[in-house]
Amino acid sequence: MTKTPKKAANKAKRGPKPETLKIEGKWQDAVKKSLSKKKPADGWPKGLA
């Protein structure tokens, strides 16, 4: 009797592919810069918050 490897139940990946963001320079400086900006007067657009 030999054992056969079990197949994965479902190899299909769900959901959209993740977005990637290329940051130039140090990421700490980029975070400080983005947090120092004021938020929009009318609020954030729907779907981005």
Protein backbone atom coordinates (compact mmCIF):
# COMPACT_ATOMS: atom_id res chain seq x y z
CA MET A 1 0.00 0.00 0.00
CA THR A 2 1.51 3.34 -1.05
CA LYS A 3 0.35 6.72 0.02
CA THR A 4 -0.56 9.26 -2.63
CA PRO A 5 -0.33 12.99 -1.93
CA LYS A 6 -3.69 14.68 -1.42
CA LYS A 7 -4.63 17.42 -3.83
CA ALA A 8 -5.47 20.87 -2.53
CA ALA A 9 -9.22 21.35 -2.19
CA ASN A 10 -9.35 24.53 -4.26
CA LYS A 11 -6.27 26.27 -5.63
CA ALA A 12 -8.28 29.11 -7.17
CA LYS A 13 -7.40 32.43 -5.57
CA ARG A 14 -10.28 34.63 -4.56
CA GLY A 15 -10.55 38.39 -4.76
CA PRO A 16 -8.73 41.02 -6.76
CA LYS A 17 -4.97 41.20 -7.04
CA PRO A 18 -3.44 43.49 -4.40
CA GLU A 19 -2.29 46.92 -5.50
CA THR A 20 1.39 47.68 -5.16
CA LEU A 21 2.83 51.08 -4.43
CA LYS A 22 6.40 52.06 -5.20
CA ILE A 23 7.78 54.50 -2.62
CA GLU A 24 10.78 56.63 -3.50
CA GLY A 25 13.18 57.33 -0.65
CA LYS A 26 12.60 56.33 2.96
CA TRP A 27 9.12 55.07 3.76
CA GLN A 28 9.16 56.83 7.13
CA ASP A 29 9.55 60.21 5.39
CA ALA A 30 6.75 59.34 2.95
CA VAL A 31 4.39 58.52 5.84
CA LYS A 32 5.21 61.78 7.65
CA LYS A 33 4.60 63.74 4.45
CA SER A 34 1.26 62.06 3.74
CA LEU A 35 0.02 62.50 7.31
CA SER A 36 0.98 66.19 7.34
CA LYS A 37 -1.35 66.95 4.41
CA LYS A 38 -4.80 68.31 5.20
CA LYS A 39 -7.82 66.16 4.40
CA PRO A 40 -10.22 67.38 1.68
CA ALA A 41 -12.70 70.09 2.75
CA ASP A 42 -15.62 68.11 1.29
CA GLY A 43 -14.41 64.88 2.87
CA TRP A 44 -12.98 61.78 1.22
CA PRO A 45 -14.52 60.51 -2.02
CA LYS A 46 -16.80 57.51 -1.57
CA GLY A 47 -15.00 54.18 -1.91
CA LEU A 48 -11.57 55.47 -0.85
CA ALA A 49 -12.05 55.63 2.90
